[in-house]
N, C-alpha and C. Protein backbone atom coordinates (compact mmCIF):
# COMPACT_ATOMS: atom_id res chain seq x y z
N MET A 1 110.03 36.18 73.08
CA MET A 1 108.66 36.33 72.57
C MET A 1 107.69 35.60 73.48
N ARG A 2 106.54 36.23 73.71
CA ARG A 2 105.48 35.63 74.51
C ARG A 2 104.26 35.43 73.62
N ILE A 3 103.59 34.29 73.78
CA ILE A 3 102.36 34.01 73.01
C ILE A 3 101.16 34.22 73.91
N LEU A 4 100.27 35.12 73.52
CA LEU A 4 99.09 35.44 74.31
C LEU A 4 97.85 34.89 73.61
N ASP A 5 97.09 34.07 74.29
CA ASP A 5 95.86 33.49 73.77
C ASP A 5 94.75 34.52 73.80
N LEU A 6 94.10 34.75 72.67
CA LEU A 6 93.03 35.75 72.55
C LEU A 6 91.68 35.10 72.27
N ASN A 7 91.58 33.79 72.54
CA ASN A 7 90.38 33.01 72.19
C ASN A 7 89.44 32.76 73.35
N GLN A 8 88.15 32.72 73.02
CA GLN A 8 87.16 32.17 73.92
C GLN A 8 87.07 30.66 73.63
N SER A 9 86.84 29.87 74.67
CA SER A 9 86.77 28.43 74.49
C SER A 9 85.42 28.02 73.88
N ILE A 10 85.46 27.01 73.03
CA ILE A 10 84.23 26.44 72.47
C ILE A 10 83.77 25.32 73.39
N GLU A 11 82.57 25.43 73.90
CA GLU A 11 82.03 24.45 74.83
C GLU A 11 80.51 24.51 74.81
N PRO A 12 79.85 23.45 75.22
CA PRO A 12 78.38 23.49 75.27
C PRO A 12 77.89 24.62 76.17
N HIS A 13 76.78 25.22 75.80
CA HIS A 13 76.14 26.29 76.56
C HIS A 13 76.92 27.61 76.56
N MET A 14 77.86 27.74 75.65
CA MET A 14 78.62 28.98 75.57
C MET A 14 77.78 30.09 74.95
N PRO A 15 78.15 31.36 75.11
CA PRO A 15 77.43 32.46 74.44
C PRO A 15 77.55 32.32 72.91
N ARG A 16 76.50 32.67 72.22
CA ARG A 16 76.53 32.71 70.76
C ARG A 16 75.54 33.74 70.29
N TYR A 17 75.72 34.20 69.04
CA TYR A 17 74.86 35.22 68.49
C TYR A 17 73.42 34.75 68.50
N PRO A 18 72.46 35.60 68.90
CA PRO A 18 71.05 35.18 68.97
C PRO A 18 70.59 34.50 67.68
N GLY A 19 70.00 33.34 67.83
CA GLY A 19 69.52 32.55 66.70
C GLY A 19 70.52 31.52 66.19
N THR A 20 71.76 31.61 66.65
CA THR A 20 72.78 30.63 66.25
C THR A 20 72.70 29.44 67.19
N PRO A 21 72.65 28.23 66.69
CA PRO A 21 72.61 27.06 67.59
C PRO A 21 73.91 26.91 68.36
N GLY A 22 73.81 26.41 69.56
CA GLY A 22 74.98 26.19 70.38
C GLY A 22 75.74 24.93 69.98
N PRO A 23 76.98 24.82 70.40
CA PRO A 23 77.77 23.61 70.08
C PRO A 23 77.21 22.38 70.77
N GLU A 24 77.35 21.25 70.11
CA GLU A 24 76.99 19.97 70.69
C GLU A 24 78.16 19.02 70.61
N PHE A 25 78.50 18.39 71.71
CA PHE A 25 79.58 17.41 71.77
C PHE A 25 78.97 16.04 72.05
N SER A 26 79.38 15.03 71.33
CA SER A 26 78.91 13.68 71.61
C SER A 26 80.04 12.68 71.39
N SER A 27 79.94 11.55 72.02
CA SER A 27 80.97 10.51 71.94
C SER A 27 80.72 9.59 70.76
N LEU A 28 81.76 9.36 69.98
CA LEU A 28 81.71 8.34 68.91
C LEU A 28 82.33 7.03 69.35
N SER A 29 83.31 7.16 70.26
CA SER A 29 83.97 5.96 70.76
C SER A 29 84.65 6.32 72.09
N SER A 30 84.77 5.34 72.95
CA SER A 30 85.50 5.52 74.20
C SER A 30 86.61 4.48 74.26
N ILE A 31 87.60 4.74 75.10
CA ILE A 31 88.71 3.81 75.25
C ILE A 31 88.18 2.47 75.80
N ALA A 32 87.22 2.56 76.74
CA ALA A 32 86.68 1.35 77.33
C ALA A 32 85.93 0.51 76.32
N GLU A 33 85.21 1.17 75.38
CA GLU A 33 84.35 0.45 74.45
C GLU A 33 85.10 0.03 73.16
N GLY A 34 85.94 0.94 72.64
CA GLY A 34 86.54 0.65 71.35
C GLY A 34 88.06 0.66 71.32
N GLY A 35 88.66 1.00 72.46
CA GLY A 35 90.11 1.06 72.51
C GLY A 35 90.67 2.41 72.16
N PHE A 36 89.80 3.34 71.77
CA PHE A 36 90.24 4.71 71.49
C PHE A 36 89.08 5.67 71.77
N ALA A 37 89.44 6.92 72.03
CA ALA A 37 88.43 7.96 72.28
C ALA A 37 88.28 8.82 71.03
N GLU A 38 87.03 9.13 70.70
CA GLU A 38 86.72 10.01 69.58
C GLU A 38 85.40 10.70 69.86
N ARG A 39 85.35 12.02 69.56
CA ARG A 39 84.13 12.77 69.79
C ARG A 39 83.66 13.45 68.50
N LEU A 40 82.38 13.69 68.44
CA LEU A 40 81.76 14.44 67.36
C LEU A 40 81.43 15.83 67.87
N TYR A 41 81.96 16.85 67.15
CA TYR A 41 81.67 18.23 67.48
C TYR A 41 80.77 18.83 66.42
N THR A 42 79.65 19.42 66.82
CA THR A 42 78.73 20.07 65.89
C THR A 42 78.55 21.50 66.31
N PHE A 43 78.93 22.44 65.44
CA PHE A 43 78.75 23.85 65.79
C PHE A 43 78.74 24.72 64.53
N SER A 44 78.18 25.91 64.68
CA SER A 44 78.07 26.87 63.57
C SER A 44 79.44 27.39 63.20
N SER A 45 79.55 27.85 61.97
CA SER A 45 80.80 28.47 61.49
C SER A 45 81.09 29.78 62.20
N HIS A 46 80.07 30.33 62.89
CA HIS A 46 80.23 31.60 63.61
C HIS A 46 80.30 31.38 65.11
N THR A 47 80.85 30.26 65.54
CA THR A 47 80.93 29.92 66.94
C THR A 47 82.20 30.47 67.57
N GLY A 48 82.06 31.08 68.76
CA GLY A 48 83.23 31.51 69.52
C GLY A 48 84.05 32.55 68.78
N THR A 49 85.35 32.54 69.02
CA THR A 49 86.25 33.44 68.33
C THR A 49 86.39 32.96 66.87
N HIS A 50 85.91 33.79 65.95
CA HIS A 50 85.84 33.35 64.55
C HIS A 50 86.08 34.52 63.61
N ILE A 51 86.32 34.19 62.35
CA ILE A 51 86.44 35.22 61.32
C ILE A 51 85.21 35.18 60.42
N ASP A 52 84.83 36.38 59.96
CA ASP A 52 83.84 36.53 58.90
C ASP A 52 84.57 36.89 57.63
N LEU A 53 84.22 36.25 56.54
CA LEU A 53 84.81 36.50 55.23
C LEU A 53 83.78 37.16 54.32
N PRO A 54 84.20 37.78 53.23
CA PRO A 54 83.24 38.51 52.38
C PRO A 54 81.99 37.75 51.99
N SER A 55 82.10 36.44 51.71
CA SER A 55 80.93 35.67 51.29
C SER A 55 79.88 35.53 52.37
N HIS A 56 80.20 35.95 53.60
CA HIS A 56 79.21 35.95 54.68
C HIS A 56 78.08 36.94 54.40
N MET A 57 78.39 38.05 53.75
CA MET A 57 77.38 39.10 53.53
C MET A 57 77.30 39.55 52.08
N ILE A 58 78.38 39.34 51.32
CA ILE A 58 78.46 39.89 49.95
C ILE A 58 78.15 38.82 48.93
N GLU A 59 77.17 39.06 48.09
CA GLU A 59 76.80 38.10 47.03
C GLU A 59 78.03 37.86 46.14
N ASN A 60 78.37 36.59 45.95
CA ASN A 60 79.54 36.20 45.16
C ASN A 60 80.85 36.71 45.74
N GLY A 61 80.83 37.03 47.06
CA GLY A 61 82.04 37.48 47.74
C GLY A 61 83.02 36.34 47.93
N ARG A 62 84.25 36.71 48.24
CA ARG A 62 85.30 35.71 48.42
C ARG A 62 85.09 34.87 49.68
N SER A 63 85.37 33.58 49.55
CA SER A 63 85.29 32.67 50.68
C SER A 63 86.72 32.37 51.15
N LEU A 64 86.82 31.49 52.13
CA LEU A 64 88.13 31.15 52.69
C LEU A 64 89.10 30.65 51.62
N ASP A 65 88.58 29.93 50.63
CA ASP A 65 89.43 29.37 49.57
C ASP A 65 90.23 30.47 48.80
N ASP A 66 89.69 31.69 48.84
CA ASP A 66 90.27 32.76 48.02
C ASP A 66 91.32 33.57 48.75
N PHE A 67 91.65 33.19 50.00
CA PHE A 67 92.63 33.93 50.76
C PHE A 67 93.87 33.06 51.05
N PRO A 68 95.06 33.58 50.75
CA PRO A 68 96.28 32.82 51.10
C PRO A 68 96.48 32.84 52.61
N ILE A 69 97.20 31.86 53.12
CA ILE A 69 97.38 31.71 54.56
C ILE A 69 98.01 32.93 55.20
N GLU A 70 98.87 33.67 54.47
CA GLU A 70 99.52 34.83 55.06
C GLU A 70 98.54 35.97 55.34
N ARG A 71 97.33 35.87 54.79
CA ARG A 71 96.33 36.92 55.04
C ARG A 71 95.86 36.90 56.50
N PHE A 72 96.10 35.81 57.20
CA PHE A 72 95.61 35.65 58.56
C PHE A 72 96.70 35.89 59.60
N TYR A 73 97.69 36.69 59.21
CA TYR A 73 98.87 36.95 60.03
C TYR A 73 99.37 38.35 59.71
N GLY A 74 99.66 39.15 60.72
CA GLY A 74 100.19 40.48 60.42
C GLY A 74 100.44 41.32 61.66
N LYS A 75 101.11 42.40 61.47
CA LYS A 75 101.41 43.32 62.57
C LYS A 75 100.11 43.88 63.14
N GLY A 76 99.96 43.81 64.43
CA GLY A 76 98.70 44.26 65.07
C GLY A 76 98.86 45.54 65.86
N CYS A 77 97.75 46.23 66.04
CA CYS A 77 97.67 47.36 66.96
C CYS A 77 96.29 47.34 67.60
N VAL A 78 96.22 47.88 68.81
CA VAL A 78 94.97 47.89 69.58
C VAL A 78 94.56 49.32 69.87
N VAL A 79 93.27 49.60 69.68
CA VAL A 79 92.70 50.89 70.04
C VAL A 79 91.79 50.69 71.24
N ASP A 80 91.97 51.50 72.25
CA ASP A 80 91.19 51.42 73.50
C ASP A 80 89.87 52.17 73.33
N VAL A 81 88.75 51.45 73.35
CA VAL A 81 87.43 52.09 73.25
C VAL A 81 86.60 51.74 74.47
N ARG A 82 87.26 51.45 75.59
CA ARG A 82 86.55 51.08 76.80
C ARG A 82 85.69 52.19 77.36
N MET A 83 85.98 53.42 76.99
CA MET A 83 85.20 54.56 77.46
C MET A 83 83.95 54.80 76.63
N ALA A 84 83.73 54.02 75.58
CA ALA A 84 82.68 54.28 74.59
C ALA A 84 81.51 53.33 74.73
N ALA A 85 81.27 52.75 75.90
CA ALA A 85 80.14 51.81 76.08
C ALA A 85 78.83 52.44 75.63
N GLY A 86 78.10 51.71 74.80
CA GLY A 86 76.80 52.17 74.34
C GLY A 86 76.86 53.28 73.31
N GLU A 87 78.05 53.60 72.82
CA GLU A 87 78.22 54.70 71.90
C GLU A 87 78.76 54.22 70.56
N SER A 88 78.78 55.16 69.63
CA SER A 88 79.35 54.90 68.31
C SER A 88 80.79 55.41 68.28
N ILE A 89 81.67 54.63 67.69
CA ILE A 89 83.07 55.03 67.54
C ILE A 89 83.19 55.82 66.23
N SER A 90 83.50 57.09 66.35
CA SER A 90 83.48 57.97 65.18
C SER A 90 84.80 57.98 64.43
N ALA A 91 84.74 58.42 63.18
CA ALA A 91 85.96 58.58 62.39
C ALA A 91 86.86 59.62 63.03
N ALA A 92 86.26 60.69 63.57
CA ALA A 92 87.05 61.75 64.22
C ALA A 92 87.87 61.19 65.37
N PHE A 93 87.29 60.28 66.16
CA PHE A 93 88.02 59.67 67.27
C PHE A 93 89.20 58.86 66.74
N LEU A 94 89.03 58.17 65.64
CA LEU A 94 90.06 57.29 65.11
C LEU A 94 91.20 58.06 64.43
N HIS A 95 90.95 59.31 64.06
CA HIS A 95 91.97 60.09 63.35
C HIS A 95 93.27 60.20 64.14
N ARG A 96 93.18 60.20 65.47
CA ARG A 96 94.37 60.34 66.31
C ARG A 96 95.28 59.11 66.21
N PHE A 97 94.76 58.03 65.67
CA PHE A 97 95.54 56.78 65.56
C PHE A 97 96.04 56.54 64.12
N GLU A 98 95.95 57.58 63.29
CA GLU A 98 96.26 57.42 61.87
C GLU A 98 97.68 56.89 61.64
N GLU A 99 98.66 57.41 62.39
CA GLU A 99 100.02 56.96 62.20
C GLU A 99 100.18 55.47 62.49
N GLN A 100 99.56 55.00 63.58
CA GLN A 100 99.58 53.57 63.92
C GLN A 100 98.92 52.73 62.83
N LEU A 101 97.81 53.24 62.33
CA LEU A 101 97.04 52.48 61.34
C LEU A 101 97.83 52.29 60.04
N ARG A 102 98.67 53.24 59.73
CA ARG A 102 99.46 53.12 58.49
C ARG A 102 100.56 52.06 58.64
N LEU A 103 100.86 51.68 59.88
CA LEU A 103 101.92 50.72 60.12
C LEU A 103 101.44 49.32 60.44
N CYS A 104 100.12 49.17 60.73
CA CYS A 104 99.63 47.87 61.16
C CYS A 104 98.78 47.20 60.07
N GLU A 105 98.59 45.89 60.24
CA GLU A 105 97.78 45.12 59.30
C GLU A 105 96.50 44.59 59.91
N TYR A 106 96.50 44.44 61.24
CA TYR A 106 95.29 44.04 61.96
C TYR A 106 95.01 45.06 63.06
N LEU A 107 93.86 45.71 62.96
CA LEU A 107 93.42 46.66 63.98
C LEU A 107 92.44 45.96 64.90
N LEU A 108 92.71 45.97 66.20
CA LEU A 108 91.85 45.32 67.18
C LEU A 108 91.26 46.37 68.10
N PHE A 109 89.96 46.25 68.37
CA PHE A 109 89.28 47.19 69.25
C PHE A 109 89.07 46.57 70.64
N CYS A 110 89.63 47.21 71.66
CA CYS A 110 89.50 46.76 73.03
C CYS A 110 88.39 47.52 73.72
N SER A 111 87.22 46.90 73.82
CA SER A 111 86.08 47.52 74.49
C SER A 111 85.95 47.05 75.95
N GLY A 112 86.65 45.97 76.27
CA GLY A 112 86.49 45.36 77.61
C GLY A 112 85.27 44.47 77.71
N TRP A 113 84.56 44.29 76.59
CA TRP A 113 83.30 43.55 76.66
C TRP A 113 83.50 42.05 76.90
N SER A 114 84.69 41.56 76.64
CA SER A 114 84.93 40.14 76.89
C SER A 114 84.80 39.79 78.38
N SER A 115 84.88 40.80 79.25
CA SER A 115 84.70 40.56 80.69
C SER A 115 83.26 40.18 81.01
N TYR A 116 82.33 40.45 80.07
CA TYR A 116 80.93 40.11 80.27
C TYR A 116 80.55 38.78 79.64
N TRP A 117 81.55 38.07 79.09
CA TRP A 117 81.30 36.77 78.45
C TRP A 117 80.55 35.86 79.41
N GLY A 118 79.46 35.27 78.93
CA GLY A 118 78.65 34.38 79.78
C GLY A 118 77.53 35.06 80.51
N THR A 119 77.36 36.38 80.28
CA THR A 119 76.28 37.13 80.90
C THR A 119 75.42 37.79 79.82
N ALA A 120 74.20 38.22 80.20
CA ALA A 120 73.33 38.90 79.25
C ALA A 120 73.92 40.21 78.77
N ARG A 121 74.74 40.84 79.60
CA ARG A 121 75.37 42.11 79.29
C ARG A 121 76.26 42.03 78.04
N TYR A 122 76.80 40.87 77.77
CA TYR A 122 77.68 40.72 76.63
C TYR A 122 77.01 41.09 75.31
N PHE A 123 75.70 40.97 75.26
CA PHE A 123 74.94 41.19 74.03
C PHE A 123 74.37 42.60 73.93
N GLU A 124 74.70 43.48 74.88
CA GLU A 124 74.06 44.79 74.95
C GLU A 124 75.08 45.91 75.08
N ASP A 125 74.80 47.03 74.44
CA ASP A 125 75.47 48.31 74.68
C ASP A 125 76.96 48.35 74.39
N TYR A 126 77.50 47.38 73.68
CA TYR A 126 78.93 47.45 73.34
C TYR A 126 79.11 48.53 72.28
N PRO A 127 80.27 49.18 72.26
CA PRO A 127 80.51 50.23 71.25
C PRO A 127 80.66 49.62 69.85
N VAL A 128 80.20 50.34 68.85
CA VAL A 128 80.37 49.88 67.47
C VAL A 128 80.89 51.02 66.61
N LEU A 129 81.54 50.66 65.54
CA LEU A 129 82.00 51.66 64.59
C LEU A 129 80.82 52.37 63.92
N SER A 130 80.94 53.68 63.72
CA SER A 130 79.96 54.36 62.87
C SER A 130 80.26 53.98 61.43
N PRO A 131 79.28 54.06 60.55
CA PRO A 131 79.55 53.77 59.13
C PRO A 131 80.69 54.64 58.58
N ASP A 132 80.74 55.92 58.97
CA ASP A 132 81.81 56.80 58.50
C ASP A 132 83.17 56.30 58.98
N ALA A 133 83.23 55.80 60.21
CA ALA A 133 84.50 55.30 60.74
C ALA A 133 84.91 54.03 59.99
N ALA A 134 83.95 53.13 59.75
CA ALA A 134 84.24 51.91 58.99
C ALA A 134 84.73 52.24 57.59
N ARG A 135 84.07 53.22 56.98
CA ARG A 135 84.45 53.62 55.61
C ARG A 135 85.86 54.23 55.60
N TRP A 136 86.18 55.02 56.63
CA TRP A 136 87.51 55.63 56.74
C TRP A 136 88.58 54.57 56.90
N LEU A 137 88.31 53.56 57.72
CA LEU A 137 89.28 52.49 57.94
C LEU A 137 89.54 51.68 56.66
N CYS A 138 88.56 51.64 55.79
CA CYS A 138 88.73 50.92 54.52
C CYS A 138 89.78 51.57 53.62
N GLY A 139 90.19 52.80 53.95
CA GLY A 139 91.19 53.48 53.17
C GLY A 139 92.62 53.11 53.53
N PHE A 140 92.78 52.27 54.55
CA PHE A 140 94.11 51.84 54.96
C PHE A 140 94.42 50.46 54.39
N ASN A 141 95.67 50.07 54.46
CA ASN A 141 96.12 48.79 53.92
C ASN A 141 96.01 47.72 54.98
N LEU A 142 94.80 47.56 55.55
CA LEU A 142 94.58 46.58 56.60
C LEU A 142 94.19 45.21 56.01
N LYS A 143 94.58 44.16 56.69
CA LYS A 143 94.11 42.83 56.35
C LYS A 143 92.80 42.52 57.04
N GLY A 144 92.63 43.04 58.24
CA GLY A 144 91.42 42.74 58.99
C GLY A 144 91.26 43.62 60.21
N ILE A 145 90.06 43.51 60.83
CA ILE A 145 89.71 44.28 62.01
C ILE A 145 89.05 43.32 62.99
N GLY A 146 89.48 43.41 64.26
CA GLY A 146 88.98 42.50 65.28
C GLY A 146 88.29 43.21 66.43
N PHE A 147 87.37 42.48 67.06
CA PHE A 147 86.53 43.03 68.14
C PHE A 147 86.44 42.05 69.29
N ASP A 148 86.48 42.54 70.52
CA ASP A 148 86.24 41.67 71.68
C ASP A 148 84.75 41.72 72.07
N MET A 149 83.92 41.59 71.06
CA MET A 149 82.46 41.72 71.19
C MET A 149 81.78 40.65 70.34
N ILE A 150 80.48 40.49 70.53
CA ILE A 150 79.72 39.47 69.82
C ILE A 150 79.59 39.75 68.34
N SER A 151 79.69 41.04 67.96
CA SER A 151 79.48 41.40 66.56
C SER A 151 80.16 42.73 66.24
N ALA A 152 80.49 42.92 64.98
CA ALA A 152 80.98 44.22 64.52
C ALA A 152 79.86 45.24 64.42
N ASP A 153 78.61 44.77 64.39
CA ASP A 153 77.45 45.66 64.32
C ASP A 153 76.68 45.61 65.62
N ALA A 154 75.85 46.64 65.82
CA ALA A 154 75.03 46.71 67.03
C ALA A 154 74.03 45.57 67.05
N ALA A 155 73.75 45.08 68.26
CA ALA A 155 72.76 44.01 68.42
C ALA A 155 71.42 44.49 67.88
N GLY A 156 70.80 43.66 67.07
CA GLY A 156 69.48 43.99 66.53
C GLY A 156 69.50 44.80 65.24
N ASP A 157 70.65 45.25 64.79
CA ASP A 157 70.74 46.01 63.54
C ASP A 157 70.85 45.03 62.38
N ASP A 158 69.73 44.72 61.75
CA ASP A 158 69.75 43.70 60.71
C ASP A 158 70.15 44.27 59.34
N ARG A 159 70.62 45.52 59.31
CA ARG A 159 71.20 46.06 58.07
C ARG A 159 72.70 45.73 57.99
N TYR A 160 73.31 45.49 59.13
CA TYR A 160 74.74 45.12 59.21
C TYR A 160 75.64 46.08 58.42
N PRO A 161 75.54 47.38 58.70
CA PRO A 161 76.32 48.35 57.91
C PRO A 161 77.82 48.18 58.03
N VAL A 162 78.34 47.90 59.23
CA VAL A 162 79.79 47.76 59.40
C VAL A 162 80.30 46.51 58.71
N HIS A 163 79.59 45.39 58.92
CA HIS A 163 79.95 44.16 58.20
C HIS A 163 80.03 44.41 56.69
N ASN A 164 79.01 45.01 56.15
CA ASN A 164 78.94 45.17 54.70
C ASN A 164 80.06 46.06 54.16
N LEU A 165 80.36 47.15 54.88
CA LEU A 165 81.41 48.06 54.43
C LEU A 165 82.78 47.36 54.47
N LEU A 166 83.08 46.67 55.57
CA LEU A 166 84.38 46.04 55.72
C LEU A 166 84.54 44.85 54.79
N LEU A 167 83.50 44.03 54.69
CA LEU A 167 83.58 42.83 53.86
C LEU A 167 83.59 43.18 52.37
N GLU A 168 82.89 44.21 51.99
CA GLU A 168 82.93 44.67 50.58
C GLU A 168 84.33 45.07 50.19
N LYS A 169 85.07 45.63 51.13
CA LYS A 169 86.47 46.02 50.88
C LYS A 169 87.39 44.82 50.89
N GLY A 170 86.93 43.66 51.34
CA GLY A 170 87.77 42.47 51.38
C GLY A 170 88.48 42.26 52.69
N LEU A 171 88.09 43.05 53.72
CA LEU A 171 88.71 42.90 55.03
C LEU A 171 88.16 41.68 55.76
N ILE A 172 88.97 41.07 56.59
CA ILE A 172 88.54 39.98 57.47
C ILE A 172 88.06 40.58 58.76
N ILE A 173 86.92 40.11 59.26
CA ILE A 173 86.37 40.55 60.54
C ILE A 173 86.59 39.43 61.55
N VAL A 174 87.16 39.79 62.70
CA VAL A 174 87.37 38.82 63.78
C VAL A 174 86.49 39.22 64.95
N GLU A 175 85.67 38.29 65.43
CA GLU A 175 84.74 38.59 66.53
C GLU A 175 84.98 37.68 67.72
N ASN A 176 84.54 38.15 68.88
CA ASN A 176 84.67 37.39 70.15
C ASN A 176 86.10 37.16 70.57
N LEU A 177 86.95 38.16 70.39
CA LEU A 177 88.30 38.10 70.94
C LEU A 177 88.25 38.37 72.45
N CYS A 178 89.36 38.14 73.13
CA CYS A 178 89.44 38.46 74.56
C CYS A 178 90.87 38.84 74.91
N SER A 179 91.04 39.38 76.12
CA SER A 179 92.38 39.72 76.68
C SER A 179 93.11 40.82 75.90
N LEU A 180 92.36 41.68 75.20
CA LEU A 180 93.03 42.69 74.38
C LEU A 180 93.66 43.79 75.20
N SER A 181 93.20 44.03 76.42
CA SER A 181 93.75 45.11 77.23
C SER A 181 95.24 44.89 77.52
N VAL A 182 95.66 43.64 77.57
CA VAL A 182 97.08 43.31 77.83
C VAL A 182 97.97 43.83 76.70
N LEU A 183 97.39 44.03 75.51
CA LEU A 183 98.16 44.39 74.33
C LEU A 183 98.24 45.90 74.09
N LEU A 184 97.62 46.69 74.93
CA LEU A 184 97.52 48.12 74.66
C LEU A 184 98.85 48.83 74.56
N SER A 185 99.85 48.35 75.24
CA SER A 185 101.16 49.00 75.17
C SER A 185 102.23 48.07 74.61
N CYS A 186 101.81 47.07 73.83
CA CYS A 186 102.72 46.05 73.33
C CYS A 186 102.97 46.18 71.83
N HIS A 187 104.14 45.74 71.41
CA HIS A 187 104.39 45.48 70.00
C HIS A 187 104.11 44.00 69.78
N PHE A 188 103.26 43.67 68.81
CA PHE A 188 102.87 42.27 68.64
C PHE A 188 102.48 41.98 67.20
N THR A 189 102.54 40.70 66.89
CA THR A 189 102.00 40.18 65.64
C THR A 189 100.73 39.41 65.97
N PHE A 190 99.69 39.65 65.17
CA PHE A 190 98.40 39.00 65.38
C PHE A 190 98.23 37.84 64.41
N CYS A 191 97.72 36.73 64.89
CA CYS A 191 97.46 35.56 64.07
C CYS A 191 96.02 35.08 64.32
N CYS A 192 95.31 34.74 63.27
CA CYS A 192 93.96 34.18 63.40
C CYS A 192 93.79 33.06 62.37
N PHE A 193 94.57 32.01 62.54
CA PHE A 193 94.61 30.95 61.54
C PHE A 193 93.35 30.07 61.61
N PRO A 194 92.65 29.92 60.48
CA PRO A 194 91.42 29.13 60.45
C PRO A 194 91.67 27.68 60.05
N LEU A 195 90.74 26.81 60.40
CA LEU A 195 90.71 25.47 59.81
C LEU A 195 90.50 25.64 58.31
N LYS A 196 91.09 24.79 57.51
CA LYS A 196 90.99 24.90 56.06
C LYS A 196 89.74 24.20 55.56
N ILE A 197 88.59 24.92 55.68
CA ILE A 197 87.30 24.38 55.31
C ILE A 197 86.88 24.97 53.97
N SER A 198 86.70 24.12 53.01
CA SER A 198 86.39 24.58 51.64
C SER A 198 85.09 25.39 51.58
N GLY A 199 85.17 26.55 50.96
CA GLY A 199 83.99 27.38 50.73
C GLY A 199 83.49 28.11 51.96
N ALA A 200 84.24 28.13 53.04
CA ALA A 200 83.75 28.72 54.30
C ALA A 200 83.50 30.22 54.16
N GLU A 201 82.36 30.66 54.66
CA GLU A 201 82.02 32.09 54.73
C GLU A 201 82.45 32.65 56.10
N ALA A 202 82.72 31.75 57.02
CA ALA A 202 83.20 32.07 58.37
C ALA A 202 83.76 30.80 58.95
N VAL A 203 84.63 30.93 59.94
CA VAL A 203 85.20 29.72 60.55
C VAL A 203 85.83 30.09 61.88
N PRO A 204 85.68 29.24 62.90
CA PRO A 204 86.39 29.48 64.16
C PRO A 204 87.91 29.50 63.90
N VAL A 205 88.61 30.31 64.69
CA VAL A 205 90.06 30.43 64.56
C VAL A 205 90.72 30.31 65.92
N ARG A 206 92.00 30.07 65.93
CA ARG A 206 92.80 30.20 67.15
C ARG A 206 93.57 31.51 67.03
N ALA A 207 93.06 32.54 67.70
CA ALA A 207 93.66 33.85 67.63
C ALA A 207 94.69 34.03 68.74
N VAL A 208 95.88 34.44 68.36
CA VAL A 208 96.95 34.68 69.33
C VAL A 208 97.70 35.93 68.96
N ALA A 209 98.38 36.50 69.95
CA ALA A 209 99.30 37.60 69.72
C ALA A 209 100.70 37.11 70.06
N LEU A 210 101.64 37.34 69.16
CA LEU A 210 103.04 37.06 69.38
C LEU A 210 103.67 38.36 69.84
N VAL A 211 103.93 38.45 71.16
CA VAL A 211 104.34 39.70 71.77
C VAL A 211 105.85 39.78 71.85
N ASP A 212 106.40 40.88 71.33
CA ASP A 212 107.83 41.12 71.39
C ASP A 212 108.13 41.80 72.71
N GLU A 213 108.69 41.05 73.65
CA GLU A 213 108.94 41.62 74.98
C GLU A 213 110.16 42.54 75.02
N ASN A 214 110.88 42.64 73.90
CA ASN A 214 112.00 43.58 73.81
C ASN A 214 111.57 44.96 73.35
N GLY A 215 110.26 45.07 73.01
CA GLY A 215 109.71 46.36 72.60
C GLY A 215 110.05 46.77 71.19
N ASN A 216 110.50 45.84 70.38
CA ASN A 216 110.82 46.17 68.98
C ASN A 216 109.56 46.39 68.19
N PRO A 217 109.52 47.43 67.35
CA PRO A 217 108.34 47.69 66.54
C PRO A 217 108.20 46.64 65.43
């Protein structure tokens, strides 16, 4: 088994959703001054590679407390949407992957947009699910859907139709993934384990793929 890191690093001046404050790191103690090193990290719950939970958008929706730990682990599959830059991903396009979707628990969309991390391009023209496609996906037994993009919705769309459809269904949304192209022909298990923060509507995660190099489904 190989473990593939799918995370963006959290660091000062990193990309973040417009209007979200950036991370701040400061020293609480140094080895020279106090005999031990300790730092204070301050950042939004939507920093870097993170999950969105229903309470992020849905009034009285479930928070992190309402999900068992096994909800953040499951058989993964990747859909290649690198050809769809600036376009909507339709339900008709996804129909060809129906057999895979019935077997997986985490669907990940590989747009290739993580290659633009740290540039203005990262926030523009990435493909997004159409509302019909998001609604169709809600009919499967998925635990969550992940994206190698800044958001599940188009930049500037303050209606957040994809977020609302998926979160209303109770699906977990994973944003700002990376390295998904490596998984296009792999059998793998996806993990996005969060810090156990009470009442969280979102939280950074360490997302990894456990890749079966023997090709077992």
